[in-house]
Amino acid sequence: KQGKGEAELTAANYVFGPVLPLASDRAAVEIRPHVKDPMRVNGTLEVSLSTAELVRLSGELSETPSWWTRHVDIEQRYRRVAGVNVPVEFTSRADVRVVGESTFRMTYDYQIVNGRQVR
């Protein structure tokens, strides 16, 4: 059973690699979980150098969620909405036994963030 905080992007859960500069005020940081878990990602964080905010998380799940799913790649994008950095899009691609490739895309449309109305 997944406990509170076990998937958070913290030093307790992940080893963070060096900061690698990218184009246009961005940097990449490699992340590797201490323990394999279907809620943890082997991948990369992309952050804004000027604000230190998370822009994108991408990679593969460190452990598949079930026997049926052989491999899962994910990408989550973030943006500032009503003064808060929040997820705005999530996509995944999985290799599912018998079925083959399966894709998923979800976007977030916020009406209220932290009690504040979003325009």
PDB file of N, CA and C in Angstrom:
ATOM      1  N   LYS A   1       0.847  -1.191   0.000  1.00  0.00           N
ATOM      2  CA  LYS A   1       0.000   0.000   0.000  1.00  0.00           C
ATOM      3  C   LYS A   1       0.882   1.241   0.000  1.00  0.00           C
ATOM      4  N   GLN A   2       0.524   2.212  -0.839  1.00  0.00           N
ATOM      5  CA  GLN A   2       1.285   3.459  -0.956  1.00  0.00           C
ATOM      6  C   GLN A   2       1.010   4.347   0.254  1.00  0.00           C
ATOM      7  N   GLY A   3       2.071   4.753   0.937  1.00  0.00           N
ATOM      8  CA  GLY A   3       1.921   5.632   2.087  1.00  0.00           C
ATOM      9  C   GLY A   3       2.055   7.088   1.684  1.00  0.00           C
ATOM     10  N   LYS A   4       1.640   7.963   2.557  1.00  0.00           N
ATOM     11  CA  LYS A   4       1.704   9.397   2.286  1.00  0.00           C
ATOM     12  C   LYS A   4       3.156   9.838   2.092  1.00  0.00           C
ATOM     13  N   GLY A   5       3.400  10.561   1.009  1.00  0.00           N
ATOM     14  CA  GLY A   5       4.721  11.124   0.762  1.00  0.00           C
ATOM     15  C   GLY A   5       5.703  10.202   0.075  1.00  0.00           C
ATOM     16  N   GLU A   6       5.332   8.957  -0.182  1.00  0.00           N
ATOM     17  CA  GLU A   6       6.286   8.015  -0.764  1.00  0.00           C
ATOM     18  C   GLU A   6       6.628   8.310  -2.217  1.00  0.00           C
ATOM     19  N   ALA A   7       5.810   9.092  -2.907  1.00  0.00           N
ATOM     20  CA  ALA A   7       6.086   9.430  -4.303  1.00  0.00           C
ATOM     21  C   ALA A   7       6.580  10.865  -4.457  1.00  0.00           C
ATOM     22  N   GLU A   8       6.719  11.603  -3.370  1.00  0.00           N
ATOM     23  CA  GLU A   8       7.143  13.000  -3.441  1.00  0.00           C
ATOM     24  C   GLU A   8       8.563  13.127  -3.968  1.00  0.00           C
ATOM     25  N   LEU A   9       8.834  14.228  -4.641  1.00  0.00           N
ATOM     26  CA  LEU A   9      10.161  14.511  -5.184  1.00  0.00           C
ATOM     27  C   LEU A   9      11.048  15.087  -4.080  1.00  0.00           C
ATOM     28  N   THR A  10      11.489  14.218  -3.186  1.00  0.00           N
ATOM     29  CA  THR A  10      12.322  14.622  -2.051  1.00  0.00           C
ATOM     30  C   THR A  10      13.586  13.764  -1.999  1.00  0.00           C
ATOM     31  N   ALA A  11      14.580  14.226  -1.251  1.00  0.00           N
ATOM     32  CA  ALA A  11      15.820  13.472  -1.075  1.00  0.00           C
ATOM     33  C   ALA A  11      15.582  12.155  -0.346  1.00  0.00           C
ATOM     34  N   ALA A  12      14.504  12.064   0.417  1.00  0.00           N
ATOM     35  CA  ALA A  12      14.175  10.802   1.089  1.00  0.00           C
ATOM     36  C   ALA A  12      13.773   9.733   0.075  1.00  0.00           C
ATOM     37  N   ASN A  13      13.234  10.151  -1.075  1.00  0.00           N
ATOM     38  CA  ASN A  13      12.746   9.209  -2.075  1.00  0.00           C
ATOM     39  C   ASN A  13      13.652   9.072  -3.296  1.00  0.00           C
ATOM     40  N   TYR A  14      14.443  10.110  -3.596  1.00  0.00           N
ATOM     41  CA  TYR A  14      15.206  10.147  -4.841  1.00  0.00           C
ATOM     42  C   TYR A  14      16.656  10.559  -4.642  1.00  0.00           C
ATOM     43  N   VAL A  15      17.496  10.096  -5.555  1.00  0.00           N
ATOM     44  CA  VAL A  15      18.850  10.603  -5.713  1.00  0.00           C
ATOM     45  C   VAL A  15      18.762  11.597  -6.869  1.00  0.00           C
ATOM     46  N   PHE A  16      19.229  12.817  -6.645  1.00  0.00           N
ATOM     47  CA  PHE A  16      19.182  13.866  -7.659  1.00  0.00           C
ATOM     48  C   PHE A  16      20.568  14.015  -8.284  1.00  0.00           C
ATOM     49  N   GLY A  17      20.595  13.983  -9.618  1.00  0.00           N
ATOM     50  CA  GLY A  17      21.856  14.136 -10.344  1.00  0.00           C
ATOM     51  C   GLY A  17      22.262  15.590 -10.432  1.00  0.00           C
ATOM     52  N   PRO A  18      23.335  15.864 -11.155  1.00  0.00           N
ATOM     53  CA  PRO A  18      23.798  17.247 -11.308  1.00  0.00           C
ATOM     54  C   PRO A  18      22.818  18.067 -12.154  1.00  0.00           C
ATOM     55  N   VAL A  19      22.890  19.381 -11.987  1.00  0.00           N
ATOM     56  CA  VAL A  19      22.073  20.307 -12.770  1.00  0.00           C
ATOM     57  C   VAL A  19      22.784  20.541 -14.103  1.00  0.00           C
ATOM     58  N   LEU A  20      22.066  20.265 -15.204  1.00  0.00           N
ATOM     59  CA  LEU A  20      22.629  20.435 -16.540  1.00  0.00           C
ATOM     60  C   LEU A  20      21.890  21.551 -17.255  1.00  0.00           C
ATOM     61  N   PRO A  21      22.573  22.638 -17.616  1.00  0.00           N
ATOM     62  CA  PRO A  21      21.901  23.758 -18.277  1.00  0.00           C
ATOM     63  C   PRO A  21      21.301  23.353 -19.627  1.00  0.00           C
ATOM     64  N   LEU A  22      20.116  23.868 -19.897  1.00  0.00           N
ATOM     65  CA  LEU A  22      19.448  23.701 -21.185  1.00  0.00           C
ATOM     66  C   LEU A  22      19.280  25.087 -21.805  1.00  0.00           C
ATOM     67  N   ALA A  23      18.699  25.143 -22.960  1.00  0.00           N
ATOM     68  CA  ALA A  23      18.455  26.436 -23.612  1.00  0.00           C
ATOM     69  C   ALA A  23      17.345  27.197 -22.894  1.00  0.00           C
ATOM     70  N   SER A  24      17.324  28.477 -23.089  1.00  0.00           N
ATOM     71  CA  SER A  24      16.266  29.398 -22.624  1.00  0.00           C
ATOM     72  C   SER A  24      15.878  29.258 -21.151  1.00  0.00           C
ATOM     73  N   ASP A  25      16.819  29.567 -20.263  1.00  0.00           N
ATOM     74  CA  ASP A  25      16.535  29.667 -18.827  1.00  0.00           C
ATOM     75  C   ASP A  25      16.017  28.368 -18.201  1.00  0.00           C
ATOM     76  N   ARG A  26      16.445  27.231 -18.696  1.00  0.00           N
ATOM     77  CA  ARG A  26      16.011  25.952 -18.144  1.00  0.00           C
ATOM     78  C   ARG A  26      17.213  25.087 -17.800  1.00  0.00           C
ATOM     79  N   ALA A  27      16.982  24.160 -16.876  1.00  0.00           N
ATOM     80  CA  ALA A  27      18.011  23.187 -16.517  1.00  0.00           C
ATOM     81  C   ALA A  27      17.349  21.834 -16.312  1.00  0.00           C
ATOM     82  N   ALA A  28      18.128  20.774 -16.504  1.00  0.00           N
ATOM     83  CA  ALA A  28      17.642  19.411 -16.309  1.00  0.00           C
ATOM     84  C   ALA A  28      18.352  18.787 -15.116  1.00  0.00           C
ATOM     85  N   VAL A  29      17.618  17.990 -14.356  1.00  0.00           N
ATOM     86  CA  VAL A  29      18.169  17.264 -13.218  1.00  0.00           C
ATOM     87  C   VAL A  29      17.704  15.817 -13.324  1.00  0.00           C
ATOM     88  N   GLU A  30      18.653  14.892 -13.387  1.00  0.00           N
ATOM     89  CA  GLU A  30      18.308  13.476 -13.439  1.00  0.00           C
ATOM     90  C   GLU A  30      17.814  13.029 -12.069  1.00  0.00           C
ATOM     91  N   ILE A  31      16.777  12.192 -12.045  1.00  0.00           N
ATOM     92  CA  ILE A  31      16.283  11.642 -10.780  1.00  0.00           C
ATOM     93  C   ILE A  31      16.232  10.119 -10.863  1.00  0.00           C
ATOM     94  N   ARG A  32      16.614   9.477  -9.775  1.00  0.00           N
ATOM     95  CA  ARG A  32      16.565   8.021  -9.645  1.00  0.00           C
ATOM     96  C   ARG A  32      16.024   7.707  -8.254  1.00  0.00           C
ATOM     97  N   PRO A  33      14.982   6.890  -8.159  1.00  0.00           N
ATOM     98  CA  PRO A  33      14.431   6.571  -6.840  1.00  0.00           C
ATOM     99  C   PRO A  33      15.371   5.667  -6.046  1.00  0.00           C
ATOM    100  N   HIS A  34      15.351   5.832  -4.738  1.00  0.00           N
ATOM    101  CA  HIS A  34      16.122   4.949  -3.860  1.00  0.00           C
ATOM    102  C   HIS A  34      15.582   3.529  -3.929  1.00  0.00           C
ATOM    103  N   VAL A  35      14.258   3.410  -4.063  1.00  0.00           N
ATOM    104  CA  VAL A  35      13.579   2.116  -4.086  1.00  0.00           C
ATOM    105  C   VAL A  35      12.642   2.090  -5.288  1.00  0.00           C
ATOM    106  N   LYS A  36      12.639   0.986  -6.042  1.00  0.00           N
ATOM    107  CA  LYS A  36      11.705   0.857  -7.158  1.00  0.00           C
ATOM    108  C   LYS A  36      10.280   0.824  -6.640  1.00  0.00           C
ATOM    109  N   ASP A  37       9.411   1.549  -7.348  1.00  0.00           N
ATOM    110  CA  ASP A  37       8.008   1.639  -6.951  1.00  0.00           C
ATOM    111  C   ASP A  37       7.222   2.110  -8.171  1.00  0.00           C
ATOM    112  N   PRO A  38       5.999   1.619  -8.384  1.00  0.00           N
ATOM    113  CA  PRO A  38       5.233   2.054  -9.546  1.00  0.00           C
ATOM    114  C   PRO A  38       4.825   3.531  -9.509  1.00  0.00           C
ATOM    115  N   MET A  39       5.023   4.206  -8.397  1.00  0.00           N
ATOM    116  CA  MET A  39       4.709   5.632  -8.294  1.00  0.00           C
ATOM    117  C   MET A  39       5.963   6.510  -8.398  1.00  0.00           C
ATOM    118  N   ARG A  40       7.126   5.883  -8.583  1.00  0.00           N
ATOM    119  CA  ARG A  40       8.382   6.633  -8.687  1.00  0.00           C
ATOM    120  C   ARG A  40       8.958   6.514 -10.091  1.00  0.00           C
ATOM    121  N   VAL A  41       9.675   7.541 -10.512  1.00  0.00           N
ATOM    122  CA  VAL A  41      10.133   7.674 -11.890  1.00  0.00           C
ATOM    123  C   VAL A  41      11.648   7.683 -11.987  1.00  0.00           C
ATOM    124  N   ASN A  42      12.178   6.937 -12.958  1.00  0.00           N
ATOM    125  CA  ASN A  42      13.567   7.107 -13.396  1.00  0.00           C
ATOM    126  C   ASN A  42      13.491   8.116 -14.523  1.00  0.00           C
ATOM    127  N   GLY A  43      14.046   9.292 -14.320  1.00  0.00           N
ATOM    128  CA  GLY A  43      13.868  10.271 -15.379  1.00  0.00           C
ATOM    129  C   GLY A  43      14.563  11.583 -15.143  1.00  0.00           C
ATOM    130  N   THR A  44      13.882  12.645 -15.599  1.00  0.00           N
ATOM    131  CA  THR A  44      14.465  13.980 -15.584  1.00  0.00           C
ATOM    132  C   THR A  44      13.449  15.014 -15.138  1.00  0.00           C
ATOM    133  N   LEU A  45      13.897  15.926 -14.296  1.00  0.00           N
ATOM    134  CA  LEU A  45      13.125  17.106 -13.948  1.00  0.00           C
ATOM    135  C   LEU A  45      13.665  18.251 -14.789  1.00  0.00           C
ATOM    136  N   GLU A  46      12.780  19.058 -15.324  1.00  0.00           N
ATOM    137  CA  GLU A  46      13.195  20.271 -16.016  1.00  0.00           C
ATOM    138  C   GLU A  46      12.700  21.436 -15.171  1.00  0.00           C
ATOM    139  N   VAL A  47      13.620  22.325 -14.808  1.00  0.00           N
ATOM    140  CA  VAL A  47      13.276  23.449 -13.932  1.00  0.00           C
ATOM    141  C   VAL A  47      13.650  24.774 -14.578  1.00  0.00           C
ATOM    142  N   SER A  48      12.947  25.815 -14.180  1.00  0.00           N
ATOM    143  CA  SER A  48      13.264  27.172 -14.610  1.00  0.00           C
ATOM    144  C   SER A  48      14.406  27.683 -13.746  1.00  0.00           C
ATOM    145  N   LEU A  49      15.455  28.195 -14.359  1.00  0.00           N
ATOM    146  CA  LEU A  49      16.580  28.721 -13.584  1.00  0.00           C
ATOM    147  C   LEU A  49      16.227  30.030 -12.888  1.00  0.00           C
ATOM    148  N   SER A  50      15.366  30.834 -13.481  1.00  0.00           N
ATOM    149  CA  SER A  50      15.040  32.130 -12.887  1.00  0.00           C
ATOM    150  C   SER A  50      14.063  32.005 -11.718  1.00  0.00           C
ATOM    151  N   THR A  51      13.178  31.003 -11.743  1.00  0.00           N
ATOM    152  CA  THR A  51      12.179  30.870 -10.663  1.00  0.00           C
ATOM    153  C   THR A  51      12.375  29.623  -9.810  1.00  0.00           C
ATOM    154  N   ALA A  52      13.218  28.689 -10.258  1.00  0.00           N
ATOM    155  CA  ALA A  52      13.442  27.400  -9.599  1.00  0.00           C
ATOM    156  C   ALA A  52      12.171  26.551  -9.545  1.00  0.00           C
ATOM    157  N   GLU A  53      11.221  26.831 -10.428  1.00  0.00           N
ATOM    158  CA  GLU A  53       9.978  26.059 -10.455  1.00  0.00           C
ATOM    159  C   GLU A  53      10.096  24.875 -11.410  1.00  0.00           C
ATOM    160  N   LEU A  54       9.415  23.814 -11.054  1.00  0.00           N
ATOM    161  CA  LEU A  54       9.340  22.632 -11.883  1.00  0.00           C
ATOM    162  C   LEU A  54       8.531  22.944 -13.137  1.00  0.00           C
ATOM    163  N   VAL A  55       9.084  22.624 -14.307  1.00  0.00           N
ATOM    164  CA  VAL A  55       8.423  22.865 -15.585  1.00  0.00           C
ATOM    165  C   VAL A  55       7.925  21.546 -16.176  1.00  0.00           C
ATOM    166  N   ARG A  56       8.728  20.478 -15.996  1.00  0.00           N
ATOM    167  CA  ARG A  56       8.383  19.199 -16.609  1.00  0.00           C
ATOM    168  C   ARG A  56       9.049  18.059 -15.848  1.00  0.00           C
ATOM    169  N   LEU A  57       8.339  16.962 -15.726  1.00  0.00           N
ATOM    170  CA  LEU A  57       8.857  15.714 -15.177  1.00  0.00           C
ATOM    171  C   LEU A  57       8.644  14.667 -16.253  1.00  0.00           C
ATOM    172  N   SER A  58       9.696  13.946 -16.628  1.00  0.00           N
ATOM    173  CA  SER A  58       9.536  12.911 -17.646  1.00  0.00           C
ATOM    174  C   SER A  58      10.437  11.733 -17.325  1.00  0.00           C
ATOM    175  N   GLY A  59      10.024  10.567 -17.804  1.00  0.00           N
ATOM    176  CA  GLY A  59      10.821   9.368 -17.607  1.00  0.00           C
ATOM    177  C   GLY A  59       9.970   8.125 -17.650  1.00  0.00           C
ATOM    178  N   GLU A  60      10.504   7.054 -17.088  1.00  0.00           N
ATOM    179  CA  GLU A  60       9.791   5.783 -17.046  1.00  0.00           C
ATOM    180  C   GLU A  60       9.529   5.400 -15.594  1.00  0.00           C
ATOM    181  N   LEU A  61       8.417   4.724 -15.371  1.00  0.00           N
ATOM    182  CA  LEU A  61       8.143   4.248 -14.018  1.00  0.00           C
ATOM    183  C   LEU A  61       9.240   3.278 -13.624  1.00  0.00           C
ATOM    184  N   SER A  62       9.725   3.384 -12.396  1.00  0.00           N
ATOM    185  CA  SER A  62      10.835   2.545 -11.948  1.00  0.00           C
ATOM    186  C   SER A  62      10.416   1.093 -11.757  1.00  0.00           C
ATOM    187  N   GLU A  63       9.127   0.857 -11.625  1.00  0.00           N
ATOM    188  CA  GLU A  63       8.588  -0.499 -11.514  1.00  0.00           C
ATOM    189  C   GLU A  63       7.238  -0.512 -12.222  1.00  0.00           C
ATOM    190  N   THR A  64       6.969  -1.541 -12.983  1.00  0.00           N
ATOM    191  CA  THR A  64       5.689  -1.587 -13.685  1.00  0.00           C
ATOM    192  C   THR A  64       4.545  -1.791 -12.695  1.00  0.00           C
ATOM    193  N   PRO A  65       3.375  -1.198 -12.980  1.00  0.00           N
ATOM    194  CA  PRO A  65       2.259  -1.279 -12.039  1.00  0.00           C
ATOM    195  C   PRO A  65       1.615  -2.658 -11.944  1.00  0.00           C
ATOM    196  N   SER A  66       1.792  -3.509 -12.974  1.00  0.00           N
ATOM    197  CA  SER A  66       1.208  -4.850 -12.928  1.00  0.00           C
ATOM    198  C   SER A  66       1.932  -5.763 -13.908  1.00  0.00           C
ATOM    199  N   TRP A  67       1.623  -7.033 -13.854  1.00  0.00           N
ATOM    200  CA  TRP A  67       2.204  -7.995 -14.776  1.00  0.00           C
ATOM    201  C   TRP A  67       1.790  -7.662 -16.209  1.00  0.00           C
ATOM    202  N   TRP A  68       0.617  -7.121 -16.397  1.00  0.00           N
ATOM    203  CA  TRP A  68       0.075  -6.810 -17.715  1.00  0.00           C
ATOM    204  C   TRP A  68       0.811  -5.671 -18.404  1.00  0.00           C
ATOM    205  N   THR A  69       1.416  -4.819 -17.635  1.00  0.00           N
ATOM    206  CA  THR A  69       2.072  -3.632 -18.188  1.00  0.00           C
ATOM    207  C   THR A  69       3.580  -3.815 -18.107  1.00  0.00           C
ATOM    208  N   ARG A  70       4.229  -3.851 -19.265  1.00  0.00           N
ATOM    209  CA  ARG A  70       5.671  -4.128 -19.296  1.00  0.00           C
ATOM    210  C   ARG A  70       6.533  -2.889 -19.142  1.00  0.00           C
ATOM    211  N   HIS A  71       6.055  -1.752 -19.616  1.00  0.00           N
ATOM    212  CA  HIS A  71       6.878  -0.537 -19.601  1.00  0.00           C
ATOM    213  C   HIS A  71       5.946   0.669 -19.660  1.00  0.00           C
ATOM    214  N   VAL A  72       6.247   1.703 -18.862  1.00  0.00           N
ATOM    215  CA  VAL A  72       5.428   2.917 -18.874  1.00  0.00           C
ATOM    216  C   VAL A  72       6.331   4.148 -18.904  1.00  0.00           C
ATOM    217  N   ASP A  73       6.144   4.997 -19.920  1.00  0.00           N
ATOM    218  CA  ASP A  73       6.806   6.302 -20.002  1.00  0.00           C
ATOM    219  C   ASP A  73       5.775   7.363 -19.651  1.00  0.00           C
ATOM    220  N   ILE A  74       6.197   8.351 -18.865  1.00  0.00           N
ATOM    221  CA  ILE A  74       5.275   9.425 -18.473  1.00  0.00           C
ATOM    222  C   ILE A  74       5.908  10.785 -18.708  1.00  0.00           C
ATOM    223  N   GLU A  75       5.045  11.788 -18.836  1.00  0.00           N
ATOM    224  CA  GLU A  75       5.487  13.180 -18.883  1.00  0.00           C
ATOM    225  C   GLU A  75       4.417  14.029 -18.209  1.00  0.00           C
ATOM    226  N   GLN A  76       4.840  14.868 -17.294  1.00  0.00           N
ATOM    227  CA  GLN A  76       3.919  15.789 -16.636  1.00  0.00           C
ATOM    228  C   GLN A  76       4.481  17.192 -16.775  1.00  0.00           C
ATOM    229  N   ARG A  77       3.639  18.115 -17.258  1.00  0.00           N
ATOM    230  CA  ARG A  77       4.044  19.514 -17.439  1.00  0.00           C
ATOM    231  C   ARG A  77       3.379  20.381 -16.374  1.00  0.00           C
ATOM    232  N   TYR A  78       4.102  21.431 -15.970  1.00  0.00           N
ATOM    233  CA  TYR A  78       3.649  22.325 -14.907  1.00  0.00           C
ATOM    234  C   TYR A  78       3.657  23.768 -15.403  1.00  0.00           C
ATOM    235  N   ARG A  79       2.791  24.583 -14.807  1.00  0.00           N
ATOM    236  CA  ARG A  79       2.724  26.008 -15.148  1.00  0.00           C
ATOM    237  C   ARG A  79       2.168  26.751 -13.934  1.00  0.00           C
ATOM    238  N   ARG A  80       2.486  28.020 -13.851  1.00  0.00           N
ATOM    239  CA  ARG A  80       1.984  28.861 -12.765  1.00  0.00           C
ATOM    240  C   ARG A  80       0.550  29.273 -13.089  1.00  0.00           C
ATOM    241  N   VAL A  81      -0.368  28.956 -12.165  1.00  0.00           N
ATOM    242  CA  VAL A  81      -1.784  29.321 -12.287  1.00  0.00           C
ATOM    243  C   VAL A  81      -2.207  29.949 -10.968  1.00  0.00           C
ATOM    244  N   ALA A  82      -2.730  31.156 -11.024  1.00  0.00           N
ATOM    245  CA  ALA A  82      -3.163  31.875  -9.824  1.00  0.00           C
ATOM    246  C   ALA A  82      -2.057  31.935  -8.773  1.00  0.00           C
ATOM    247  N   GLY A  83      -0.818  32.118  -9.234  1.00  0.00           N
ATOM    248  CA  GLY A  83       0.312  32.271  -8.320  1.00  0.00           C
ATOM    249  C   GLY A  83       0.889  30.978  -7.769  1.00  0.00           C
ATOM    250  N   VAL A  84       0.412  29.834  -8.255  1.00  0.00           N
ATOM    251  CA  VAL A  84       0.870  28.535  -7.745  1.00  0.00           C
ATOM    252  C   VAL A  84       1.338  27.672  -8.916  1.00  0.00           C
ATOM    253  N   ASN A  85       2.476  26.997  -8.768  1.00  0.00           N
ATOM    254  CA  ASN A  85       2.973  26.091  -9.792  1.00  0.00           C
ATOM    255  C   ASN A  85       2.208  24.774  -9.679  1.00  0.00           C
ATOM    256  N   VAL A  86       1.443  24.434 -10.723  1.00  0.00           N
ATOM    257  CA  VAL A  86       0.560  23.264 -10.676  1.00  0.00           C
ATOM    258  C   VAL A  86       0.731  22.423 -11.943  1.00  0.00           C
ATOM    259  N   PRO A  87       0.374  21.132 -11.882  1.00  0.00           N
ATOM    260  CA  PRO A  87       0.397  20.324 -13.102  1.00  0.00           C
ATOM    261  C   PRO A  87      -0.692  20.788 -14.063  1.00  0.00           C
ATOM    262  N   VAL A  88      -0.357  20.831 -15.361  1.00  0.00           N
ATOM    263  CA  VAL A  88      -1.339  21.252 -16.368  1.00  0.00           C
ATOM    264  C   VAL A  88      -1.562  20.188 -17.442  1.00  0.00           C
ATOM    265  N   GLU A  89      -0.654  19.223 -17.546  1.00  0.00           N
ATOM    266  CA  GLU A  89      -0.832  18.160 -18.532  1.00  0.00           C
ATOM    267  C   GLU A  89      -0.071  16.912 -18.098  1.00  0.00           C
ATOM    268  N   PHE A  90      -0.693  15.759 -18.310  1.00  0.00           N
ATOM    269  CA  PHE A  90      -0.064  14.476 -18.016  1.00  0.00           C
ATOM    270  C   PHE A  90      -0.268  13.568 -19.219  1.00  0.00           C
ATOM    271  N   THR A  91       0.812  12.945 -19.688  1.00  0.00           N
ATOM    272  CA  THR A  91       0.706  11.970 -20.773  1.00  0.00           C
ATOM    273  C   THR A  91       1.476  10.713 -20.397  1.00  0.00           C
ATOM    274  N   SER A  92       1.015   9.590 -20.909  1.00  0.00           N
ATOM    275  CA  SER A  92       1.741   8.344 -20.686  1.00  0.00           C
ATOM    276  C   SER A  92       1.619   7.450 -21.910  1.00  0.00           C
ATOM    277  N   ARG A  93       2.603   6.576 -22.044  1.00  0.00           N
ATOM    278  CA  ARG A  93       2.614   5.550 -23.074  1.00  0.00           C
ATOM    279  C   ARG A  93       3.052   4.265 -22.402  1.00  0.00           C
ATOM    280  N   ALA A  94       2.245   3.222 -22.553  1.00  0.00           N
ATOM    281  CA  ALA A  94       2.544   1.956 -21.900  1.00  0.00           C
ATOM    282  C   ALA A  94       2.536   0.821 -22.911  1.00  0.00           C
ATOM    283  N   ASP A  95       3.370  -0.174 -22.658  1.00  0.00           N
ATOM    284  CA  ASP A  95       3.376  -1.404 -23.440  1.00  0.00           C
ATOM    285  C   ASP A  95       2.587  -2.431 -22.631  1.00  0.00           C
ATOM    286  N   VAL A  96       1.380  -2.737 -23.089  1.00  0.00           N
ATOM    287  CA  VAL A  96       0.478  -3.625 -22.354  1.00  0.00           C
ATOM    288  C   VAL A  96       0.441  -4.982 -23.042  1.00  0.00           C
ATOM    289  N   ARG A  97       0.659  -6.051 -22.283  1.00  0.00           N
ATOM    290  CA  ARG A  97       0.619  -7.403 -22.845  1.00  0.00           C
ATOM    291  C   ARG A  97      -0.721  -7.640 -23.527  1.00  0.00           C
ATOM    292  N   VAL A  98      -0.701  -8.367 -24.593  1.00  0.00           N
ATOM    293  CA  VAL A  98      -1.860  -8.747 -25.401  1.00  0.00           C
ATOM    294  C   VAL A  98      -2.404  -7.549 -26.205  1.00  0.00           C
ATOM    295  N   VAL A  99      -2.559  -6.392 -25.592  1.00  0.00           N
ATOM    296  CA  VAL A  99      -3.161  -5.220 -26.235  1.00  0.00           C
ATOM    297  C   VAL A  99      -2.156  -4.454 -27.091  1.00  0.00           C
ATOM    298  N   GLY A 100      -0.930  -4.314 -26.610  1.00  0.00           N
ATOM    299  CA  GLY A 100       0.081  -3.532 -27.309  1.00  0.00           C
ATOM    300  C   GLY A 100       0.236  -2.154 -26.690  1.00  0.00           C
ATOM    301  N   GLU A 101       0.550  -1.165 -27.529  1.00  0.00           N
ATOM    302  CA  GLU A 101       0.785   0.190 -27.029  1.00  0.00           C
ATOM    303  C   GLU A 101      -0.525   0.850 -26.608  1.00  0.00           C
ATOM    304  N   SER A 102      -0.473   1.474 -25.456  1.00  0.00           N
ATOM    305  CA  SER A 102      -1.625   2.209 -24.934  1.00  0.00           C
ATOM    306  C   SER A 102      -1.149   3.606 -24.547  1.00  0.00           C
ATOM    307  N   THR A 103      -1.912   4.630 -24.936  1.00  0.00           N
ATOM    308  CA  THR A 103      -1.542   5.999 -24.598  1.00  0.00           C
ATOM    309  C   THR A 103      -2.657   6.663 -23.809  1.00  0.00           C
ATOM    310  N   PHE A 104      -2.270   7.668 -23.045  1.00  0.00           N
ATOM    311  CA  PHE A 104      -3.221   8.401 -22.214  1.00  0.00           C
ATOM    312  C   PHE A 104      -2.771   9.853 -22.163  1.00  0.00           C
ATOM    313  N   ARG A 105      -3.720  10.777 -22.225  1.00  0.00           N
ATOM    314  CA  ARG A 105      -3.409  12.202 -22.085  1.00  0.00           C
ATOM    315  C   ARG A 105      -4.501  12.861 -21.263  1.00  0.00           C
ATOM    316  N   MET A 106      -4.086  13.652 -20.284  1.00  0.00           N
ATOM    317  CA  MET A 106      -5.028  14.383 -19.441  1.00  0.00           C
ATOM    318  C   MET A 106      -4.527  15.811 -19.283  1.00  0.00           C
ATOM    319  N   THR A 107      -5.438  16.768 -19.419  1.00  0.00           N
ATOM    320  CA  THR A 107      -5.097  18.158 -19.159  1.00  0.00           C
ATOM    321  C   THR A 107      -5.926  18.645 -17.974  1.00  0.00           C
ATOM    322  N   TYR A 108      -5.382  19.600 -17.265  1.00  0.00           N
ATOM    323  CA  TYR A 108      -6.035  20.153 -16.088  1.00  0.00           C
ATOM    324  C   TYR A 108      -6.536  21.552 -16.419  1.00  0.00           C
ATOM    325  N   ASP A 109      -7.777  21.828 -16.082  1.00  0.00           N
ATOM    326  CA  ASP A 109      -8.369  23.146 -16.285  1.00  0.00           C
ATOM    327  C   ASP A 109      -8.837  23.629 -14.910  1.00  0.00           C
ATOM    328  N   TYR A 110      -8.098  24.540 -14.318  1.00  0.00           N
ATOM    329  CA  TYR A 110      -8.363  24.975 -12.951  1.00  0.00           C
ATOM    330  C   TYR A 110      -9.400  26.095 -12.902  1.00  0.00           C
ATOM    331  N   GLN A 111     -10.331  25.980 -11.968  1.00  0.00           N
ATOM    332  CA  GLN A 111     -11.290  27.049 -11.694  1.00  0.00           C
ATOM    333  C   GLN A 111     -10.919  27.780 -10.415  1.00  0.00           C
ATOM    334  N   ILE A 112     -10.399  27.031  -9.437  1.00  0.00           N
ATOM    335  CA  ILE A 112      -9.967  27.588  -8.151  1.00  0.00           C
ATOM    336  C   ILE A 112      -8.653  26.932  -7.756  1.00  0.00           C
ATOM    337  N   VAL A 113      -7.687  27.724  -7.299  1.00  0.00           N
ATOM    338  CA  VAL A 113      -6.427  27.217  -6.781  1.00  0.00           C
ATOM    339  C   VAL A 113      -6.193  27.858  -5.419  1.00  0.00           C
ATOM    340  N   ASN A 114      -6.054  27.009  -4.404  1.00  0.00           N
ATOM    341  CA  ASN A 114      -5.842  27.489  -3.035  1.00  0.00           C
ATOM    342  C   ASN A 114      -6.904  28.518  -2.624  1.00  0.00           C
ATOM    343  N   GLY A 115      -8.147  28.259  -3.021  1.00  0.00           N
ATOM    344  CA  GLY A 115      -9.244  29.139  -2.642  1.00  0.00           C
ATOM    345  C   GLY A 115      -9.376  30.395  -3.467  1.00  0.00           C
ATOM    346  N   ARG A 116      -8.493  30.575  -4.454  1.00  0.00           N
ATOM    347  CA  ARG A 116      -8.536  31.776  -5.309  1.00  0.00           C
ATOM    348  C   ARG A 116      -9.128  31.415  -6.667  1.00  0.00           C
ATOM    349  N   GLN A 117     -10.053  32.228  -7.137  1.00  0.00           N
ATOM    350  CA  GLN A 117     -10.667  32.044  -8.446  1.00  0.00           C
ATOM    351  C   GLN A 117      -9.629  32.231  -9.550  1.00  0.00           C
ATOM    352  N   VAL A 118      -9.640  31.343 -10.552  1.00  0.00           N
ATOM    353  CA  VAL A 118      -8.746  31.426 -11.688  1.00  0.00           C
ATOM    354  C   VAL A 118      -9.504  32.048 -12.842  1.00  0.00           C
ATOM    355  N   ARG A 119      -8.894  32.975 -13.525  1.00  0.00           N
ATOM    356  CA  ARG A 119      -9.568  33.636 -14.669  1.00  0.00           C
ATOM    357  C   ARG A 119      -9.381  32.868 -15.932  1.00  0.00           C
TER     358      ARG A 119
END
